[in-house]
Amino acid sequence: MQFDEMGNKSGKTLMLLPGTACDYQTNFGTVLERLGEKYHLICVNYDGFDGSDRIFPDMVTVTEKIEKYIRDNYNGKIDGAIGSSLGSSFVGQLVQRENIHIDHAIFGSPDLDQSGKFSAWLQSKLVVPLLTGFTKNEKRKKKTREKLKSFFEMNDETADRFMGCFAKFSPESIKNEYYTDLLTWLRDDIHVENTKVHFIYANKMGEKYLKRYKKYFRDPDIREFDMQHEQWLFGGEQYTAPVLTAIDEFMEACKKKGEKQ
């Protein structure tokens, strides 16, 4: 596991947790500098995605390692954490398990899919080969690049960086990450005192996800954006700027009356 700290060391602590088959450099690369102007960033790369020869084990084992880092370095408490896509599953587990404390738990347009073992196995058999096959040859690369540019409005450089993750990381790590994420459940109506849950809701994903957010967490702060899944990290400034503003508002949000500040 890799934990890199950067940014404004006198600012509030903000942990960045990347999504499926990504390192933080790719996932948050377009906003690292801007987030770092205000926040003390703790940037995480999981086993299997940290440049080592380790293989991603499972979601719970990695969650335990994140908890240990927060306990050992921050006395068990940080100001905020942002999970991008699958990274939100880690944020959810950190909140639900209550082994450490996060003031502001920020979920970046997650799907929060959950399933049983057979369904998870079947989905991983179907989806993972597609993910790892994006860069098999130049024809596939070109086709994938054009799809990313069209769907997310990525530029060529961002699309190439994103595709590069699927080429440089072990298919076994990608499979383990995808499979065990589906098996790592959240309970309904999660509520932890002094933790506020915030969602970046990309409305082009569909309303079923909005319903999930309200199912798993009690009274979440949901901000709706007219964009595709995590487009604020890959699209243009018209998507990035409003979400960065929302993150600042999340991190400054007052707790409910009667709760400790």
C-alpha atoms as a PDB file:
ATOM      1  CA  MET A   1       0.000   0.000   0.000  1.00  0.00           C
ATOM      2  CA  GLN A   2       1.128   3.502  -0.751  1.00  0.00           C
ATOM      3  CA  PHE A   3       0.190   6.592   1.265  1.00  0.00           C
ATOM      4  CA  ASP A   4       1.548   9.859  -0.136  1.00  0.00           C
ATOM      5  CA  GLU A   5       0.968  13.098   1.731  1.00  0.00           C
ATOM      6  CA  MET A   6       1.047  16.436  -0.054  1.00  0.00           C
ATOM      7  CA  GLY A   7      -0.628  19.791  -0.340  1.00  0.00           C
ATOM      8  CA  ASN A   8      -1.314  22.334   2.383  1.00  0.00           C
ATOM      9  CA  LYS A   9       0.091  20.723   5.502  1.00  0.00           C
ATOM     10  CA  SER A  10      -1.745  23.257   7.704  1.00  0.00           C
ATOM     11  CA  GLY A  11      -5.080  22.533   6.027  1.00  0.00           C
ATOM     12  CA  LYS A  12      -7.727  20.000   6.919  1.00  0.00           C
ATOM     13  CA  THR A  13      -6.831  16.377   6.235  1.00  0.00           C
ATOM     14  CA  LEU A  14      -8.516  14.929   3.141  1.00  0.00           C
ATOM     15  CA  MET A  15      -7.909  11.329   2.080  1.00  0.00           C
ATOM     16  CA  LEU A  16      -8.261  10.478  -1.629  1.00  0.00           C
ATOM     17  CA  LEU A  17      -9.324   6.924  -2.503  1.00  0.00           C
ATOM     18  CA  PRO A  18      -9.238   6.001  -6.224  1.00  0.00           C
ATOM     19  CA  GLY A  19     -11.682   3.871  -8.189  1.00  0.00           C
ATOM     20  CA  THR A  20     -11.530   0.598 -10.096  1.00  0.00           C
ATOM     21  CA  ALA A  21      -8.126  -0.291 -11.551  1.00  0.00           C
ATOM     22  CA  CYS A  22      -6.773   3.203 -10.939  1.00  0.00           C
ATOM     23  CA  ASP A  23      -3.974   4.776  -8.980  1.00  0.00           C
ATOM     24  CA  TYR A  24      -4.571   8.152  -7.372  1.00  0.00           C
ATOM     25  CA  GLN A  25      -2.236   9.847  -9.856  1.00  0.00           C
ATOM     26  CA  THR A  26      -4.583   8.934 -12.709  1.00  0.00           C
ATOM     27  CA  ASN A  27      -7.891   9.127 -10.879  1.00  0.00           C
ATOM     28  CA  PHE A  28      -7.321  12.506  -9.230  1.00  0.00           C
ATOM     29  CA  GLY A  29      -4.557  13.834 -11.477  1.00  0.00           C
ATOM     30  CA  THR A  30      -6.610  16.691 -12.906  1.00  0.00           C
ATOM     31  CA  VAL A  31      -7.526  18.091  -9.469  1.00  0.00           C
ATOM     32  CA  LEU A  32      -4.605  17.187  -7.174  1.00  0.00           C
ATOM     33  CA  GLU A  33      -2.972  20.605  -7.399  1.00  0.00           C
ATOM     34  CA  ARG A  34      -6.184  22.488  -6.765  1.00  0.00           C
ATOM     35  CA  LEU A  35      -7.255  20.303  -3.851  1.00  0.00           C
ATOM     36  CA  GLY A  36      -3.734  20.570  -2.443  1.00  0.00           C
ATOM     37  CA  GLU A  37      -3.925  24.368  -2.284  1.00  0.00           C
ATOM     38  CA  LYS A  38      -6.423  24.103   0.555  1.00  0.00           C
ATOM     39  CA  TYR A  39      -6.162  20.588   2.006  1.00  0.00           C
ATOM     40  CA  HIS A  40      -3.554  18.304   3.504  1.00  0.00           C
ATOM     41  CA  LEU A  41      -3.994  15.431   1.092  1.00  0.00           C
ATOM     42  CA  ILE A  42      -3.480  11.777   1.998  1.00  0.00           C
ATOM     43  CA  CYS A  43      -3.362   9.993  -1.362  1.00  0.00           C
ATOM     44  CA  VAL A  44      -3.799   6.232  -1.338  1.00  0.00           C
ATOM     45  CA  ASN A  45      -2.788   3.500  -3.774  1.00  0.00           C
ATOM     46  CA  TYR A  46      -4.025   0.044  -2.837  1.00  0.00           C
ATOM     47  CA  ASP A  47      -2.018  -3.179  -2.942  1.00  0.00           C
ATOM     48  CA  GLY A  48      -1.798  -4.236  -6.566  1.00  0.00           C
ATOM     49  CA  PHE A  49      -2.090  -0.635  -7.754  1.00  0.00           C
ATOM     50  CA  ASP A  50       0.878   0.856  -5.892  1.00  0.00           C
ATOM     51  CA  GLY A  51       3.730  -0.031  -8.255  1.00  0.00           C
ATOM     52  CA  SER A  52       4.718  -3.104  -6.234  1.00  0.00           C
ATOM     53  CA  ASP A  53       4.405  -6.740  -7.249  1.00  0.00           C
ATOM     54  CA  ARG A  54       1.716  -7.353  -4.629  1.00  0.00           C
ATOM     55  CA  ILE A  55      -1.740  -8.509  -5.691  1.00  0.00           C
ATOM     56  CA  PHE A  56      -4.881  -6.779  -4.442  1.00  0.00           C
ATOM     57  CA  PRO A  57      -6.242  -9.140  -1.758  1.00  0.00           C
ATOM     58  CA  ASP A  58      -9.810  -8.064  -0.951  1.00  0.00           C
ATOM     59  CA  MET A  59     -11.754  -4.986   0.121  1.00  0.00           C
ATOM     60  CA  VAL A  60     -11.805  -5.777   3.826  1.00  0.00           C
ATOM     61  CA  THR A  61      -8.055  -6.408   4.091  1.00  0.00           C
ATOM     62  CA  VAL A  62      -7.314  -3.121   2.325  1.00  0.00           C
ATOM     63  CA  THR A  63      -9.846  -1.302   4.525  1.00  0.00           C
ATOM     64  CA  GLU A  64      -8.021  -2.627   7.589  1.00  0.00           C
ATOM     65  CA  LYS A  65      -4.717  -1.243   6.255  1.00  0.00           C
ATOM     66  CA  ILE A  66      -6.306   2.176   5.708  1.00  0.00           C
ATOM     67  CA  GLU A  67      -7.701   2.128   9.232  1.00  0.00           C
ATOM     68  CA  LYS A  68      -4.269   1.253  10.622  1.00  0.00           C
ATOM     69  CA  TYR A  69      -2.659   4.155   8.787  1.00  0.00           C
ATOM     70  CA  ILE A  70      -5.227   6.594  10.169  1.00  0.00           C
ATOM     71  CA  ARG A  71      -4.799   5.225  13.693  1.00  0.00           C
ATOM     72  CA  ASP A  72      -1.000   5.244  13.541  1.00  0.00           C
ATOM     73  CA  ASN A  73      -0.621   8.693  11.941  1.00  0.00           C
ATOM     74  CA  TYR A  74      -3.721  10.663  12.916  1.00  0.00           C
ATOM     75  CA  ASN A  75      -4.827   9.159  16.229  1.00  0.00           C
ATOM     76  CA  GLY A  76      -7.743   7.510  14.475  1.00  0.00           C
ATOM     77  CA  LYS A  77      -9.399  10.655  13.086  1.00  0.00           C
ATOM     78  CA  ILE A  78      -9.276  12.615   9.827  1.00  0.00           C
ATOM     79  CA  ASP A  79     -11.334  15.559   8.633  1.00  0.00           C
ATOM     80  CA  GLY A  80     -12.504  14.113   5.337  1.00  0.00           C
ATOM     81  CA  ALA A  81     -12.215  11.342   2.765  1.00  0.00           C
ATOM     82  CA  ILE A  82     -13.278  11.277  -0.884  1.00  0.00           C
ATOM     83  CA  GLY A  83     -13.870   7.968  -2.606  1.00  0.00           C
ATOM     84  CA  SER A  84     -14.077   8.042  -6.379  1.00  0.00           C
ATOM     85  CA  SER A  85     -16.452   5.395  -7.742  1.00  0.00           C
ATOM     86  CA  LEU A  86     -15.267   2.090  -6.180  1.00  0.00           C
ATOM     87  CA  GLY A  87     -13.182   4.158  -3.765  1.00  0.00           C
ATOM     88  CA  SER A  88     -16.494   5.133  -2.197  1.00  0.00           C
ATOM     89  CA  SER A  89     -16.875   1.524  -1.043  1.00  0.00           C
ATOM     90  CA  PHE A  90     -13.830   2.070   1.171  1.00  0.00           C
ATOM     91  CA  VAL A  91     -15.324   5.302   2.508  1.00  0.00           C
ATOM     92  CA  GLY A  92     -18.530   3.437   3.302  1.00  0.00           C
ATOM     93  CA  GLN A  93     -16.686   0.655   5.097  1.00  0.00           C
ATOM     94  CA  LEU A  94     -14.585   3.119   7.095  1.00  0.00           C
ATOM     95  CA  VAL A  95     -17.755   4.846   8.283  1.00  0.00           C
ATOM     96  CA  GLN A  96     -19.746   1.661   8.898  1.00  0.00           C
ATOM     97  CA  ARG A  97     -17.025  -0.207  10.812  1.00  0.00           C
ATOM     98  CA  GLU A  98     -16.395   2.748  13.190  1.00  0.00           C
ATOM     99  CA  ASN A  99     -12.801   1.714  13.883  1.00  0.00           C
ATOM    100  CA  ILE A 100     -11.638   5.212  12.950  1.00  0.00           C
ATOM    101  CA  HIS A 101     -13.516   8.503  12.578  1.00  0.00           C
ATOM    102  CA  ILE A 102     -14.126  10.701   9.536  1.00  0.00           C
ATOM    103  CA  ASP A 103     -15.901  14.036   9.943  1.00  0.00           C
ATOM    104  CA  HIS A 104     -16.906  14.298   6.274  1.00  0.00           C
ATOM    105  CA  ALA A 105     -17.365  11.138   4.202  1.00  0.00           C
ATOM    106  CA  ILE A 106     -17.619  12.110   0.521  1.00  0.00           C
ATOM    107  CA  PHE A 107     -18.873   9.619  -2.062  1.00  0.00           C
ATOM    108  CA  GLY A 108     -17.952  10.301  -5.697  1.00  0.00           C
ATOM    109  CA  SER A 109     -20.863   9.111  -7.892  1.00  0.00           C
ATOM    110  CA  PRO A 110     -20.657   5.477  -6.712  1.00  0.00           C
ATOM    111  CA  ASP A 111     -22.899   2.667  -7.878  1.00  0.00           C
ATOM    112  CA  LEU A 112     -22.735   0.840  -4.498  1.00  0.00           C
ATOM    113  CA  ASP A 113     -23.533  -2.456  -6.205  1.00  0.00           C
ATOM    114  CA  GLN A 114     -23.829  -5.484  -3.914  1.00  0.00           C
ATOM    115  CA  SER A 115     -24.440  -9.110  -4.806  1.00  0.00           C
ATOM    116  CA  GLY A 116     -24.035 -12.718  -3.735  1.00  0.00           C
ATOM    117  CA  LYS A 117     -21.036 -14.914  -4.532  1.00  0.00           C
ATOM    118  CA  PHE A 118     -22.368 -16.501  -7.722  1.00  0.00           C
ATOM    119  CA  SER A 119     -23.563 -13.224  -9.205  1.00  0.00           C
ATOM    120  CA  ALA A 120     -20.280 -11.515  -8.261  1.00  0.00           C
ATOM    121  CA  TRP A 121     -18.293 -14.355  -9.832  1.00  0.00           C
ATOM    122  CA  LEU A 122     -20.370 -14.195 -13.011  1.00  0.00           C
ATOM    123  CA  GLN A 123     -20.123 -10.412 -13.286  1.00  0.00           C
ATOM    124  CA  SER A 124     -16.364 -10.473 -12.773  1.00  0.00           C
ATOM    125  CA  LYS A 125     -16.036 -13.164 -15.472  1.00  0.00           C
ATOM    126  CA  LEU A 126     -17.908 -10.922 -17.904  1.00  0.00           C
ATOM    127  CA  VAL A 127     -16.682  -7.449 -16.982  1.00  0.00           C
ATOM    128  CA  VAL A 128     -13.013  -7.874 -16.063  1.00  0.00           C
ATOM    129  CA  PRO A 129     -11.956  -9.253 -19.499  1.00  0.00           C
ATOM    130  CA  LEU A 130     -13.602  -6.203 -21.063  1.00  0.00           C
ATOM    131  CA  LEU A 131     -11.686  -3.849 -18.771  1.00  0.00           C
ATOM    132  CA  THR A 132      -8.346  -5.550 -19.336  1.00  0.00           C
ATOM    133  CA  GLY A 133      -8.966  -5.925 -23.078  1.00  0.00           C
ATOM    134  CA  PHE A 134      -9.172  -2.189 -23.785  1.00  0.00           C
ATOM    135  CA  THR A 135      -5.512  -1.995 -24.780  1.00  0.00           C
ATOM    136  CA  LYS A 136      -4.891  -5.374 -26.434  1.00  0.00           C
ATOM    137  CA  ASN A 137      -4.023  -3.787 -29.768  1.00  0.00           C
ATOM    138  CA  GLU A 138      -3.945  -0.412 -31.481  1.00  0.00           C
ATOM    139  CA  LYS A 139      -7.381  -0.849 -33.020  1.00  0.00           C
ATOM    140  CA  ARG A 140      -8.975  -1.425 -29.600  1.00  0.00           C
ATOM    141  CA  LYS A 141      -7.005   1.437 -28.089  1.00  0.00           C
ATOM    142  CA  LYS A 142      -8.216   3.831 -30.741  1.00  0.00           C
ATOM    143  CA  LYS A 143     -11.823   2.699 -30.385  1.00  0.00           C
ATOM    144  CA  THR A 144     -11.715   2.965 -26.587  1.00  0.00           C
ATOM    145  CA  ARG A 145     -10.048   6.375 -26.741  1.00  0.00           C
ATOM    146  CA  GLU A 146     -12.800   7.717 -28.982  1.00  0.00           C
ATOM    147  CA  LYS A 147     -15.509   6.309 -26.686  1.00  0.00           C
ATOM    148  CA  LEU A 148     -13.950   7.926 -23.619  1.00  0.00           C
ATOM    149  CA  LYS A 149     -13.625  11.237 -25.426  1.00  0.00           C
ATOM    150  CA  SER A 150     -17.227  11.098 -26.590  1.00  0.00           C
ATOM    151  CA  PHE A 151     -18.867   9.843 -23.388  1.00  0.00           C
ATOM    152  CA  PHE A 152     -16.824  11.659 -20.735  1.00  0.00           C
ATOM    153  CA  GLU A 153     -15.531  14.514 -22.923  1.00  0.00           C
ATOM    154  CA  MET A 154     -11.965  13.528 -22.045  1.00  0.00           C
ATOM    155  CA  ASN A 155      -9.053  14.941 -23.984  1.00  0.00           C
ATOM    156  CA  ASP A 156      -6.520  12.603 -25.621  1.00  0.00           C
ATOM    157  CA  GLU A 157      -4.012  12.854 -22.764  1.00  0.00           C
ATOM    158  CA  THR A 158      -6.551  12.010 -20.053  1.00  0.00           C
ATOM    159  CA  ALA A 159      -8.026   9.148 -22.093  1.00  0.00           C
ATOM    160  CA  ASP A 160      -4.565   7.655 -22.658  1.00  0.00           C
ATOM    161  CA  ARG A 161      -3.685   7.903 -18.949  1.00  0.00           C
ATOM    162  CA  PHE A 162      -6.943   6.224 -18.009  1.00  0.00           C
ATOM    163  CA  MET A 163      -6.468   3.394 -20.512  1.00  0.00           C
ATOM    164  CA  GLY A 164      -2.913   2.975 -19.318  1.00  0.00           C
ATOM    165  CA  CYS A 165      -4.149   1.820 -15.900  1.00  0.00           C
ATOM    166  CA  PHE A 166      -5.818  -1.224 -17.428  1.00  0.00           C
ATOM    167  CA  ALA A 167      -2.595  -2.117 -19.218  1.00  0.00           C
ATOM    168  CA  LYS A 168      -0.114  -1.645 -16.376  1.00  0.00           C
ATOM    169  CA  PHE A 169      -1.948  -3.361 -13.514  1.00  0.00           C
ATOM    170  CA  SER A 170      -2.337  -7.100 -12.987  1.00  0.00           C
ATOM    171  CA  PRO A 171      -5.594  -8.606 -14.283  1.00  0.00           C
ATOM    172  CA  GLU A 172      -5.694 -10.632 -11.062  1.00  0.00           C
ATOM    173  CA  SER A 173      -5.656  -7.468  -8.970  1.00  0.00           C
ATOM    174  CA  ILE A 174      -8.394  -5.932 -11.102  1.00  0.00           C
ATOM    175  CA  LYS A 175     -10.482  -9.116 -10.805  1.00  0.00           C
ATOM    176  CA  ASN A 176     -10.023  -9.311  -7.023  1.00  0.00           C
ATOM    177  CA  GLU A 177     -10.914  -5.661  -6.612  1.00  0.00           C
ATOM    178  CA  TYR A 178     -14.037  -5.896  -8.761  1.00  0.00           C
ATOM    179  CA  TYR A 179     -15.205  -9.232  -7.322  1.00  0.00           C
ATOM    180  CA  THR A 180     -14.688  -8.495  -3.619  1.00  0.00           C
ATOM    181  CA  ASP A 181     -16.240  -5.041  -3.937  1.00  0.00           C
ATOM    182  CA  LEU A 182     -19.518  -6.705  -4.917  1.00  0.00           C
ATOM    183  CA  LEU A 183     -19.283  -8.961  -1.850  1.00  0.00           C
ATOM    184  CA  THR A 184     -18.501  -6.155   0.620  1.00  0.00           C
ATOM    185  CA  TRP A 185     -21.909  -4.968   1.736  1.00  0.00           C
ATOM    186  CA  LEU A 186     -23.196  -1.875   3.441  1.00  0.00           C
ATOM    187  CA  ARG A 187     -26.052  -2.184   5.914  1.00  0.00           C
ATOM    188  CA  ASP A 188     -29.124   0.018   5.599  1.00  0.00           C
ATOM    189  CA  ASP A 189     -29.576   3.360   7.371  1.00  0.00           C
ATOM    190  CA  ILE A 190     -25.967   3.845   8.482  1.00  0.00           C
ATOM    191  CA  HIS A 191     -25.573   6.679  10.952  1.00  0.00           C
ATOM    192  CA  VAL A 192     -22.447   7.550  12.919  1.00  0.00           C
ATOM    193  CA  GLU A 193     -22.453  10.410  15.388  1.00  0.00           C
ATOM    194  CA  ASN A 194     -20.390  13.425  14.262  1.00  0.00           C
ATOM    195  CA  THR A 195     -19.884  12.017  10.758  1.00  0.00           C
ATOM    196  CA  LYS A 196     -21.656  13.741   7.884  1.00  0.00           C
ATOM    197  CA  VAL A 197     -22.124  11.768   4.671  1.00  0.00           C
ATOM    198  CA  HIS A 198     -22.022  13.655   1.353  1.00  0.00           C
ATOM    199  CA  PHE A 199     -22.742  12.398  -2.149  1.00  0.00           C
ATOM    200  CA  ILE A 200     -21.646  13.752  -5.518  1.00  0.00           C
ATOM    201  CA  TYR A 201     -24.645  12.548  -7.536  1.00  0.00           C
ATOM    202  CA  ALA A 202     -24.072  12.360 -11.300  1.00  0.00           C
ATOM    203  CA  ASN A 203     -27.684  12.436 -12.483  1.00  0.00           C
ATOM    204  CA  LYS A 204     -26.922  10.913 -15.880  1.00  0.00           C
ATOM    205  CA  MET A 205     -26.225   7.635 -14.069  1.00  0.00           C
ATOM    206  CA  GLY A 206     -29.928   7.342 -13.238  1.00  0.00           C
ATOM    207  CA  GLU A 207     -32.249   7.737 -10.268  1.00  0.00           C
ATOM    208  CA  LYS A 208     -31.807   4.170  -8.998  1.00  0.00           C
ATOM    209  CA  TYR A 209     -28.439   5.218  -7.594  1.00  0.00           C
ATOM    210  CA  LEU A 210     -29.979   8.177  -5.806  1.00  0.00           C
ATOM    211  CA  LYS A 211     -32.347   5.737  -4.096  1.00  0.00           C
ATOM    212  CA  ARG A 212     -29.396   3.584  -2.992  1.00  0.00           C
ATOM    213  CA  TYR A 213     -27.660   6.534  -1.383  1.00  0.00           C
ATOM    214  CA  LYS A 214     -30.754   7.229   0.714  1.00  0.00           C
ATOM    215  CA  LYS A 215     -31.182   3.532   1.521  1.00  0.00           C
ATOM    216  CA  TYR A 216     -27.713   2.961   2.940  1.00  0.00           C
ATOM    217  CA  PHE A 217     -27.184   6.246   4.779  1.00  0.00           C
ATOM    218  CA  ARG A 218     -29.443   8.253   7.030  1.00  0.00           C
ATOM    219  CA  ASP A 219     -30.030  11.840   5.931  1.00  0.00           C
ATOM    220  CA  PRO A 220     -27.112  12.152   3.471  1.00  0.00           C
ATOM    221  CA  ASP A 221     -26.163  15.505   1.956  1.00  0.00           C
ATOM    222  CA  ILE A 222     -26.682  14.848  -1.768  1.00  0.00           C
ATOM    223  CA  ARG A 223     -25.536  17.343  -4.399  1.00  0.00           C
ATOM    224  CA  GLU A 224     -26.833  16.725  -7.907  1.00  0.00           C
ATOM    225  CA  PHE A 225     -24.719  17.464 -10.969  1.00  0.00           C
ATOM    226  CA  ASP A 226     -25.674  17.233 -14.623  1.00  0.00           C
ATOM    227  CA  MET A 227     -22.853  14.926 -15.660  1.00  0.00           C
ATOM    228  CA  GLN A 228     -21.783  11.351 -16.312  1.00  0.00           C
ATOM    229  CA  HIS A 229     -20.131   9.113 -13.725  1.00  0.00           C
ATOM    230  CA  GLU A 230     -17.225  11.044 -12.128  1.00  0.00           C
ATOM    231  CA  GLN A 231     -17.048  13.362 -15.145  1.00  0.00           C
ATOM    232  CA  TRP A 232     -15.722  16.163 -12.940  1.00  0.00           C
ATOM    233  CA  LEU A 233     -12.401  14.300 -12.857  1.00  0.00           C
ATOM    234  CA  PHE A 234     -12.179  13.599 -16.595  1.00  0.00           C
ATOM    235  CA  GLY A 235     -14.280  16.199 -18.412  1.00  0.00           C
ATOM    236  CA  GLY A 236     -13.935  19.932 -18.742  1.00  0.00           C
ATOM    237  CA  GLU A 237     -13.903  22.823 -16.299  1.00  0.00           C
ATOM    238  CA  GLN A 238     -17.703  23.142 -16.513  1.00  0.00           C
ATOM    239  CA  TYR A 239     -17.880  19.847 -14.596  1.00  0.00           C
ATOM    240  CA  THR A 240     -14.828  20.234 -12.368  1.00  0.00           C
ATOM    241  CA  ALA A 241     -15.381  23.691 -10.875  1.00  0.00           C
ATOM    242  CA  PRO A 242     -18.881  23.103  -9.405  1.00  0.00           C
ATOM    243  CA  VAL A 243     -17.809  19.853  -7.730  1.00  0.00           C
ATOM    244  CA  LEU A 244     -14.680  21.429  -6.245  1.00  0.00           C
ATOM    245  CA  THR A 245     -16.908  24.162  -4.820  1.00  0.00           C
ATOM    246  CA  ALA A 246     -19.214  21.513  -3.375  1.00  0.00           C
ATOM    247  CA  ILE A 247     -16.254  19.707  -1.764  1.00  0.00           C
ATOM    248  CA  ASP A 248     -15.248  22.950  -0.045  1.00  0.00           C
ATOM    249  CA  GLU A 249     -18.806  23.343   1.190  1.00  0.00           C
ATOM    250  CA  PHE A 250     -18.856  19.743   2.403  1.00  0.00           C
ATOM    251  CA  MET A 251     -15.638  20.185   4.335  1.00  0.00           C
ATOM    252  CA  GLU A 252     -16.873  23.394   5.953  1.00  0.00           C
ATOM    253  CA  ALA A 253     -20.371  22.096   6.736  1.00  0.00           C
ATOM    254  CA  CYS A 254     -21.404  22.604  10.330  1.00  0.00           C
ATOM    255  CA  LYS A 255     -22.524  19.628  12.338  1.00  0.00           C
ATOM    256  CA  LYS A 256     -26.044  19.493  13.651  1.00  0.00           C
ATOM    257  CA  LYS A 257     -26.879  21.526  16.676  1.00  0.00           C
ATOM    258  CA  GLY A 258     -25.801  19.730  19.820  1.00  0.00           C
ATOM    259  CA  GLU A 259     -22.996  17.788  18.101  1.00  0.00           C
ATOM    260  CA  LYS A 260     -19.344  18.443  18.896  1.00  0.00           C
ATOM    261  CA  GLN A 261     -17.502  20.769  16.563  1.00  0.00           C
END
